[in-house]
Amino acid sequence: MAYEGGYGCERTAGGRFVFTAPDEQVLPAPVPLPGIDASQNPLVWFRQAMTDLEIDAETCVPDWYAGDTIDWDMAVSALFPYPSRPH
């Protein structure tokens, strides 16, 4: 399990990811992204979908940010099972 700010993320034996809130309540699954019509140009769709999002250098900075950096190796490795090792 990986925790950040009390939230949890765990990969199940079936390969799904389960996210929990600080009170340990399971968060609802995200709504699937809409697909695009096979006849539609993906580049045109992307430009239309990504217009006016107001994304800037501060978009992904959480309110609790104190100058520390994330340990990406730890965060990502927690999502994948380690192979069994003999003790």
C-alpha atoms as a PDB file:
ATOM      1  CA  MET A   1       0.000   0.000   0.000  1.00  0.00           C
ATOM      2  CA  ALA A   2       1.193   3.531  -0.732  1.00  0.00           C
ATOM      3  CA  TYR A   3      -0.008   6.436   1.377  1.00  0.00           C
ATOM      4  CA  GLU A   4       0.090  10.160   0.799  1.00  0.00           C
ATOM      5  CA  GLY A   5      -1.864  12.527   2.993  1.00  0.00           C
ATOM      6  CA  GLY A   6      -3.782   9.609   4.482  1.00  0.00           C
ATOM      7  CA  TYR A   7      -5.024   8.314   1.123  1.00  0.00           C
ATOM      8  CA  GLY A   8      -4.168   4.772   0.078  1.00  0.00           C
ATOM      9  CA  CYS A   9      -3.731   2.870  -3.150  1.00  0.00           C
ATOM     10  CA  GLU A  10      -3.496  -0.893  -3.345  1.00  0.00           C
ATOM     11  CA  ARG A  11      -3.257  -3.272  -6.279  1.00  0.00           C
ATOM     12  CA  THR A  12      -5.502  -6.300  -5.856  1.00  0.00           C
ATOM     13  CA  ALA A  13      -4.585  -9.873  -6.811  1.00  0.00           C
ATOM     14  CA  GLY A  14      -6.757  -9.397  -9.912  1.00  0.00           C
ATOM     15  CA  GLY A  15      -4.696  -6.393 -11.018  1.00  0.00           C
ATOM     16  CA  ARG A  16      -7.243  -3.678 -10.165  1.00  0.00           C
ATOM     17  CA  PHE A  17      -6.276  -0.618  -8.147  1.00  0.00           C
ATOM     18  CA  VAL A  18      -8.327   0.277  -5.083  1.00  0.00           C
ATOM     19  CA  PHE A  19      -8.086   3.772  -3.611  1.00  0.00           C
ATOM     20  CA  THR A  20      -9.055   4.626  -0.046  1.00  0.00           C
ATOM     21  CA  ALA A  21      -9.715   7.915   1.742  1.00  0.00           C
ATOM     22  CA  PRO A  22      -8.034   8.792   5.066  1.00  0.00           C
ATOM     23  CA  ASP A  23     -11.083   7.320   6.889  1.00  0.00           C
ATOM     24  CA  GLU A  24     -10.369   4.016   5.030  1.00  0.00           C
ATOM     25  CA  GLN A  25     -13.546   4.281   2.945  1.00  0.00           C
ATOM     26  CA  VAL A  26     -13.048   2.885  -0.559  1.00  0.00           C
ATOM     27  CA  LEU A  27     -13.250   5.681  -3.120  1.00  0.00           C
ATOM     28  CA  PRO A  28     -15.551   5.144  -6.102  1.00  0.00           C
ATOM     29  CA  ALA A  29     -13.995   3.998  -9.346  1.00  0.00           C
ATOM     30  CA  PRO A  30     -13.275   6.837 -11.748  1.00  0.00           C
ATOM     31  CA  VAL A  31     -15.625   7.440 -14.630  1.00  0.00           C
ATOM     32  CA  PRO A  32     -14.085   5.962 -17.796  1.00  0.00           C
ATOM     33  CA  LEU A  33     -12.808   8.487 -20.281  1.00  0.00           C
ATOM     34  CA  PRO A  34     -15.049   8.899 -23.307  1.00  0.00           C
ATOM     35  CA  GLY A  35     -13.843   7.236 -26.460  1.00  0.00           C
ATOM     36  CA  ILE A  36     -13.600   8.923 -29.804  1.00  0.00           C
ATOM     37  CA  ASP A  37     -15.286   7.906 -33.014  1.00  0.00           C
ATOM     38  CA  ALA A  38     -12.984   5.883 -35.267  1.00  0.00           C
ATOM     39  CA  SER A  39     -13.590   8.384 -38.064  1.00  0.00           C
ATOM     40  CA  GLN A  40     -12.487  11.320 -35.910  1.00  0.00           C
ATOM     41  CA  ASN A  41      -8.936  12.625 -36.118  1.00  0.00           C
ATOM     42  CA  PRO A  42      -7.352  12.015 -32.664  1.00  0.00           C
ATOM     43  CA  LEU A  43      -5.246  15.169 -32.899  1.00  0.00           C
ATOM     44  CA  VAL A  44      -8.312  17.331 -33.585  1.00  0.00           C
ATOM     45  CA  TRP A  45     -10.186  15.647 -30.701  1.00  0.00           C
ATOM     46  CA  PHE A  46      -7.247  16.154 -28.333  1.00  0.00           C
ATOM     47  CA  ARG A  47      -6.924  19.850 -29.175  1.00  0.00           C
ATOM     48  CA  GLN A  48     -10.669  20.379 -28.639  1.00  0.00           C
ATOM     49  CA  ALA A  49     -10.707  18.407 -25.376  1.00  0.00           C
ATOM     50  CA  MET A  50      -7.654  20.169 -23.943  1.00  0.00           C
ATOM     51  CA  THR A  51      -8.693  23.745 -24.703  1.00  0.00           C
ATOM     52  CA  ASP A  52      -9.238  26.182 -21.810  1.00  0.00           C
ATOM     53  CA  LEU A  53      -8.113  23.816 -19.017  1.00  0.00           C
ATOM     54  CA  GLU A  54      -6.093  26.566 -17.315  1.00  0.00           C
ATOM     55  CA  ILE A  55      -3.179  24.233 -16.570  1.00  0.00           C
ATOM     56  CA  ASP A  56      -0.039  25.952 -15.334  1.00  0.00           C
ATOM     57  CA  ALA A  57       3.124  25.202 -13.341  1.00  0.00           C
ATOM     58  CA  GLU A  58       1.116  25.088 -10.097  1.00  0.00           C
ATOM     59  CA  THR A  59      -1.680  22.753 -11.267  1.00  0.00           C
ATOM     60  CA  CYS A  60      -0.247  19.601  -9.645  1.00  0.00           C
ATOM     61  CA  VAL A  61       1.109  21.270  -6.505  1.00  0.00           C
ATOM     62  CA  PRO A  62      -1.054  20.136  -3.552  1.00  0.00           C
ATOM     63  CA  ASP A  63      -2.231  22.591  -0.893  1.00  0.00           C
ATOM     64  CA  TRP A  64      -0.077  20.847   1.739  1.00  0.00           C
ATOM     65  CA  TYR A  65       3.153  21.143  -0.309  1.00  0.00           C
ATOM     66  CA  ALA A  66       6.087  21.964   1.975  1.00  0.00           C
ATOM     67  CA  GLY A  67       8.962  21.869  -0.526  1.00  0.00           C
ATOM     68  CA  ASP A  68       9.639  18.146  -0.326  1.00  0.00           C
ATOM     69  CA  THR A  69       9.809  15.984  -3.430  1.00  0.00           C
ATOM     70  CA  ILE A  70       8.060  12.704  -4.124  1.00  0.00           C
ATOM     71  CA  ASP A  71      10.025   9.470  -4.101  1.00  0.00           C
ATOM     72  CA  TRP A  72       8.796   8.159  -7.471  1.00  0.00           C
ATOM     73  CA  ASP A  73      10.610   4.812  -7.107  1.00  0.00           C
ATOM     74  CA  MET A  74       8.765   4.106  -3.863  1.00  0.00           C
ATOM     75  CA  ALA A  75       5.412   5.402  -5.111  1.00  0.00           C
ATOM     76  CA  VAL A  76       5.385   3.374  -8.327  1.00  0.00           C
ATOM     77  CA  SER A  77       6.985   0.221  -6.908  1.00  0.00           C
ATOM     78  CA  ALA A  78       4.262   0.062  -4.241  1.00  0.00           C
ATOM     79  CA  LEU A  79       1.736  -0.539  -7.019  1.00  0.00           C
ATOM     80  CA  PHE A  80       3.427  -3.688  -8.304  1.00  0.00           C
ATOM     81  CA  PRO A  81       3.928  -6.965  -6.431  1.00  0.00           C
ATOM     82  CA  TYR A  82       7.434  -8.077  -5.624  1.00  0.00           C
ATOM     83  CA  PRO A  83       8.441 -11.597  -6.650  1.00  0.00           C
ATOM     84  CA  SER A  84       8.495 -14.047  -3.778  1.00  0.00           C
ATOM     85  CA  ARG A  85      11.930 -14.564  -2.257  1.00  0.00           C
ATOM     86  CA  PRO A  86      13.017 -17.420  -0.028  1.00  0.00           C
ATOM     87  CA  HIS A  87      13.603 -16.356   3.573  1.00  0.00           C
END
